[in-house]
Protein backbone atom coordinates (compact mmCIF):
# COMPACT_ATOMS: atom_id res chain seq x y z
CA UNK A 1 8.58 9.11 16.48
CA UNK A 2 9.34 7.60 12.82
CA UNK A 3 10.63 3.42 12.56
CA UNK A 4 11.41 1.79 9.86
CA UNK A 5 11.80 -1.95 8.85
CA UNK A 6 12.97 -3.55 5.96
CA UNK A 7 11.98 -6.65 5.01
CA UNK A 8 12.93 -9.47 1.86
CA UNK A 9 9.78 -11.48 0.21
CA UNK A 10 9.49 -14.20 -1.74
CA UNK A 11 7.05 -14.87 -4.20
CA UNK A 12 6.75 -17.82 -6.42
CA UNK A 13 5.15 -17.04 -10.04
CA UNK A 14 3.81 -19.71 -12.51
CA UNK A 15 5.01 -18.04 -15.69
CA UNK A 16 4.68 -15.27 -17.91
CA UNK A 17 1.10 -13.03 -15.80
CA UNK A 18 0.38 -11.24 -13.20
CA UNK A 19 0.37 -12.01 -9.12
CA UNK A 20 -1.49 -9.87 -6.54
CA UNK A 21 0.74 -8.90 -3.65
CA UNK A 22 -1.90 -6.64 -2.37
CA UNK A 23 -3.00 -8.80 0.72
CA UNK A 24 0.82 -9.87 1.46
CA UNK A 25 1.92 -6.10 1.53
CA UNK A 26 -1.05 -4.69 3.91
CA UNK A 27 -0.15 -8.18 6.08
CA UNK A 28 3.41 -6.74 6.12
CA UNK A 29 2.32 -3.46 7.06
CA UNK A 30 0.22 -4.68 9.69
CA UNK A 31 2.76 -7.08 11.45
CA UNK A 32 5.11 -4.52 11.56
CA UNK A 33 3.63 -2.12 14.03
CA UNK A 34 3.41 0.75 11.96
CA UNK A 35 0.84 3.10 11.08
CA UNK A 36 1.40 5.97 8.98
CA UNK A 37 3.76 5.69 6.25
CA UNK A 38 5.94 5.40 3.29
CA UNK A 39 6.63 1.79 1.50
CA UNK A 40 8.84 1.65 -1.11
CA UNK A 41 8.87 -2.05 -3.22
CA UNK A 42 11.63 -3.31 -5.03
CA UNK A 43 11.92 -6.10 -7.66
CA UNK A 44 15.60 -8.07 -7.26
CA UNK A 45 15.19 -9.29 -11.30
CA UNK A 46 15.71 -7.97 -14.42
CA UNK A 47 13.59 -10.12 -16.16
CA UNK A 48 9.46 -9.40 -14.10
CA UNK A 49 8.39 -5.82 -12.91
CA UNK A 50 5.73 -4.44 -10.96
CA UNK A 51 2.51 -2.64 -11.62
CA UNK A 52 -0.53 -1.09 -9.78
CA UNK A 53 -3.24 -2.01 -11.74
CA UNK A 54 -7.02 -2.68 -12.41
CA UNK A 55 -8.10 -5.40 -9.97
CA UNK A 56 -11.67 -6.16 -10.80
CA UNK A 57 -11.52 -7.14 -14.16
CA UNK A 58 -9.21 -10.11 -15.42
CA UNK A 59 -9.57 -8.84 -19.19
CA UNK A 60 -7.36 -5.55 -18.50
CA UNK A 61 -4.82 -7.77 -17.29
CA UNK A 62 -4.62 -9.60 -20.27
CA UNK A 63 -4.85 -7.33 -22.61
CA UNK A 64 -2.30 -5.40 -21.01
CA UNK A 65 0.08 -8.67 -21.36
CA UNK A 66 -1.25 -8.98 -24.77
CA UNK A 67 0.29 -5.44 -25.59
CA UNK A 68 3.85 -5.70 -24.34
CA UNK A 69 3.72 -9.21 -26.14
CA UNK A 70 3.01 -7.81 -29.32
CA UNK A 71 5.70 -4.50 -28.62
CA UNK A 72 8.54 -6.93 -27.64
CA UNK A 73 7.95 -9.97 -29.67
CA UNK A 74 9.90 -12.78 -28.91
CA UNK A 75 11.16 -13.77 -32.59
CA UNK A 76 13.37 -10.50 -32.46
CA UNK A 77 12.75 -7.14 -33.35
CA UNK A 78 12.09 -4.88 -36.86
CA UNK A 79 12.96 -1.85 -37.38
CA UNK A 80 10.74 0.81 -36.04
CA UNK A 81 9.91 2.38 -39.86
CA UNK A 82 9.19 -0.99 -41.21
CA UNK A 83 12.16 -1.21 -43.41
CA UNK A 84 13.96 -4.16 -43.38
CA UNK A 85 13.57 -7.61 -41.79
CA UNK A 86 13.32 -9.50 -38.25
CA UNK A 87 16.57 -9.57 -36.40
CA UNK A 88 16.59 -11.91 -33.46
CA UNK A 89 17.89 -10.91 -29.94
CA UNK A 90 21.71 -12.08 -29.48
CA UNK A 91 21.45 -12.35 -25.94
CA UNK A 92 19.38 -15.63 -25.41
CA UNK A 93 21.46 -17.37 -22.83
CA UNK A 94 17.96 -18.44 -20.89
CA UNK A 95 16.27 -19.82 -23.72
CA UNK A 96 14.15 -17.17 -26.54
CA UNK A 97 12.25 -15.41 -23.69
CA UNK A 98 14.96 -14.06 -22.14
CA UNK A 99 16.10 -11.29 -24.24
CA UNK A 100 12.53 -9.95 -24.91
CA UNK A 101 11.73 -10.39 -20.42
CA UNK A 102 14.80 -8.08 -20.10
CA UNK A 103 13.27 -5.26 -22.03
CA UNK A 104 9.62 -5.82 -20.71
CA UNK A 105 11.18 -5.27 -17.89
CA UNK A 106 12.97 -1.50 -18.69
CA UNK A 107 9.83 -0.74 -20.49
CA UNK A 108 7.85 -1.24 -16.94
CA UNK A 109 8.63 -0.83 -13.61
CA UNK A 110 11.01 -2.15 -11.22
CA UNK A 111 10.05 -0.25 -7.71
CA UNK A 112 7.17 1.41 -6.41
CA UNK A 113 6.71 4.06 -3.53
CA UNK A 114 3.51 3.97 -1.49
CA UNK A 115 1.80 5.30 0.95
CA UNK A 116 0.26 3.44 4.01
CA UNK A 117 -2.62 4.54 6.36
CA UNK A 118 -4.43 2.82 9.11
CA UNK A 119 -1.71 -0.47 8.46
CA UNK A 120 -3.01 -0.28 4.83
CA UNK A 121 -1.96 0.59 1.72
CA UNK A 122 -3.62 3.34 0.23
CA UNK A 123 -4.90 2.28 -3.27
CA UNK A 124 -7.91 3.22 -5.19
CA UNK A 125 -10.84 1.23 -4.68
CA UNK A 126 -10.31 -0.74 -7.83
CA UNK A 127 -6.17 -1.11 -7.45
CA UNK A 128 -3.78 -4.04 -6.83
CA UNK A 129 -0.33 -4.37 -6.33
CA UNK A 130 1.06 -7.19 -8.85
CA UNK A 131 4.66 -8.68 -9.68
CA UNK A 132 4.57 -9.13 -13.77
CA UNK A 133 5.79 -12.01 -14.51
CA UNK A 134 8.07 -11.86 -17.90
CA UNK A 135 9.19 -14.98 -18.43
CA UNK A 136 7.49 -18.67 -19.64
CA UNK A 137 8.53 -20.43 -16.66
CA UNK A 138 7.97 -20.01 -13.18
CA UNK A 139 9.96 -19.23 -10.88
CA UNK A 140 10.80 -17.68 -7.17
CA UNK A 141 11.22 -13.72 -7.23
CA UNK A 142 12.57 -11.99 -3.95
CA UNK A 143 11.44 -8.33 -3.19
CA UNK A 144 12.68 -5.86 -0.76
CA UNK A 145 9.97 -4.17 0.91
CA UNK A 146 11.18 -1.26 3.11
CA UNK A 147 8.68 0.62 5.45
CA UNK A 148 9.22 3.71 6.89
CA UNK A 149 6.57 5.68 9.31
CA UNK A 150 5.32 5.48 12.97
CA UNK A 151 2.97 3.96 15.13
């Protein structure tokens, strides 16, 4: 018989970077009593995102962050054609990292659907689930974690 469980998780961040959620998510799945099913993880913010990526070599995460900062610089945007100057973002209500964080979130994922079996996420050996904070300063982020499965 299928059952479901809907949780809200609070994740503290210390500023721009990655927070490995894998152990916490597996702990919640195990506590739910569900053995096999689907988990839907959703970020309830517009300036951070979710990713599944390398968990063995921290240089992978550093390179990802460097790439996204280069793709979406804090100073503003230049035309893709290369013609014309830098245009500052018009939205900067919460500081100069505000609009770049929104763009970075739009280019990445804010939700993930993941299978679980034997009360653990089905991930590859070198994979982990991360919250990717796009703001410079720390925050407490809220996630919804919806589990549907059987015991």
